[in-house]
Amino acid sequence: MKKILWAIIIYLAANIANAEGAWVLWEGTTELGLPCEWKIVTAHPKYEQCIERHNRDFEIIKKTFENLGFKTRIISAETMVIEKVHSNTALGDVVITQKCLPDTIDPRK
């Protein structure tokens, strides 16, 4: 009986160790002072792939808003601020945050 129990424990431990979940790229946007709204951008099997997508997205967002006449500031590896430049625009400063998280973590909770 002990041998069967140990075999089951070893089998389960090996399967748990091999069961790697996905990495989810989340994006949160908010105007300063308002609650952040999170959405899923994409999912990847490896953390490095998720980070590569995040870096690509941030570069595209930065170029797009700068081409529209906005200033952008990267304030951390995960967070960018798009600053209101023109006083006649209704858009306030917008904060965009992207995080690569394991598929078991939901930043909305």
Protein backbone atom coordinates (compact mmCIF):
# COMPACT_ATOMS: atom_id res chain seq x y z
CA MET A 1 0.00 0.00 0.00
CA LYS A 2 2.83 2.41 0.86
CA LYS A 3 4.47 1.80 -2.52
CA ILE A 4 1.24 2.65 -4.35
CA LEU A 5 0.77 5.79 -2.27
CA TRP A 6 4.35 6.94 -2.98
CA ALA A 7 3.90 6.22 -6.68
CA ILE A 8 0.77 8.38 -6.75
CA ILE A 9 2.52 11.21 -4.87
CA ILE A 10 5.52 11.14 -7.23
CA TYR A 11 3.23 11.05 -10.28
CA LEU A 12 1.17 14.02 -9.06
CA ALA A 13 4.26 16.03 -8.12
CA ALA A 14 5.78 15.49 -11.56
CA ASN A 15 2.58 16.56 -13.31
CA ILE A 16 2.19 19.65 -11.15
CA ALA A 17 5.79 20.67 -11.85
CA ASN A 18 5.27 20.25 -15.62
CA ALA A 19 1.95 22.08 -15.70
CA GLU A 20 3.04 25.61 -16.56
CA GLY A 21 0.19 28.03 -17.10
CA ALA A 22 -0.10 30.87 -19.55
CA TRP A 23 1.13 34.43 -19.02
CA VAL A 24 -1.54 37.04 -19.58
CA LEU A 25 -0.81 40.59 -20.71
CA TRP A 26 -3.27 42.87 -18.92
CA GLU A 27 -3.75 46.54 -19.76
CA GLY A 28 -5.20 49.05 -17.35
CA THR A 29 -6.16 52.55 -18.41
CA THR A 30 -7.35 55.44 -16.34
CA GLU A 31 -7.42 59.19 -16.20
CA LEU A 32 -5.56 60.47 -13.17
CA GLY A 33 -7.69 60.12 -10.07
CA LEU A 34 -10.21 57.65 -11.54
CA PRO A 35 -10.37 53.87 -11.02
CA CYS A 36 -8.33 51.75 -13.40
CA GLU A 37 -10.19 49.62 -15.94
CA TRP A 38 -8.37 46.37 -16.78
CA LYS A 39 -8.70 44.27 -19.92
CA ILE A 40 -6.85 41.26 -21.31
CA VAL A 41 -4.65 42.09 -24.29
CA THR A 42 -3.25 38.64 -25.06
CA ALA A 43 -1.88 35.44 -23.51
CA HIS A 44 1.42 33.67 -24.10
CA PRO A 45 2.88 30.32 -23.04
CA LYS A 46 6.11 31.96 -21.79
CA TYR A 47 6.78 35.04 -19.67
CA GLU A 48 9.45 36.29 -22.10
CA GLN A 49 6.92 36.30 -24.97
CA CYS A 50 4.50 38.31 -22.86
CA ILE A 51 7.19 40.89 -22.04
CA GLU A 52 8.16 41.15 -25.73
CA ARG A 53 4.53 41.89 -26.62
CA HIS A 54 4.30 44.47 -23.83
CA ASN A 55 7.44 46.25 -25.07
CA ARG A 56 6.13 46.27 -28.66
CA ASP A 57 2.74 47.59 -27.55
CA PHE A 58 4.28 50.38 -25.48
CA GLU A 59 6.42 51.49 -28.42
CA ILE A 60 3.36 51.57 -30.72
CA ILE A 61 1.25 53.45 -28.16
CA LYS A 62 4.05 55.97 -27.58
CA LYS A 63 4.59 56.65 -31.30
CA THR A 64 0.86 56.84 -32.03
CA PHE A 65 0.10 59.42 -29.34
CA GLU A 66 3.23 61.45 -30.07
CA ASN A 67 2.21 61.60 -33.75
CA LEU A 68 -1.15 62.99 -32.56
CA GLY A 69 0.64 65.77 -30.65
CA PHE A 70 0.58 64.32 -27.14
CA LYS A 71 3.57 64.02 -24.84
CA THR A 72 4.30 60.61 -23.35
CA ARG A 73 6.33 59.69 -20.30
CA ILE A 74 7.41 56.21 -19.31
CA ILE A 75 7.29 56.30 -15.51
CA SER A 76 8.11 52.62 -14.92
CA ALA A 77 8.66 49.44 -16.93
CA GLU A 78 4.91 48.86 -16.76
CA THR A 79 3.41 52.37 -16.80
CA MET A 80 3.17 55.20 -19.30
CA VAL A 81 1.49 58.59 -18.94
CA ILE A 82 -0.01 60.32 -21.95
CA GLU A 83 -0.09 64.01 -21.12
CA LYS A 84 -2.67 66.48 -22.25
CA VAL A 85 -0.78 69.13 -24.21
CA HIS A 86 -3.53 71.26 -25.71
CA SER A 87 -5.82 73.08 -23.30
CA ASN A 88 -8.81 72.83 -25.67
CA THR A 89 -8.90 69.01 -25.63
CA ALA A 90 -11.29 67.19 -23.31
CA LEU A 91 -8.78 64.43 -22.67
CA GLY A 92 -6.96 64.61 -19.37
CA ASP A 93 -3.70 62.87 -18.58
CA VAL A 94 -4.17 59.16 -19.22
CA VAL A 95 -2.20 56.45 -17.43
CA ILE A 96 -1.68 53.14 -19.25
CA THR A 97 -0.30 50.19 -17.33
CA GLN A 98 0.51 46.79 -18.78
CA LYS A 99 1.38 43.79 -16.63
CA CYS A 100 2.36 40.24 -17.52
CA LEU A 101 0.75 38.04 -14.90
CA PRO A 102 0.26 34.29 -14.50
CA ASP A 103 -3.14 33.18 -15.73
CA THR A 104 -4.13 32.51 -12.12
CA ILE A 105 -3.91 36.21 -11.17
CA ASP A 106 -6.59 38.75 -12.08
CA PRO A 107 -5.66 42.41 -11.34
CA ARG A 108 -9.35 43.37 -11.17
CA LYS A 109 -9.73 41.56 -7.87
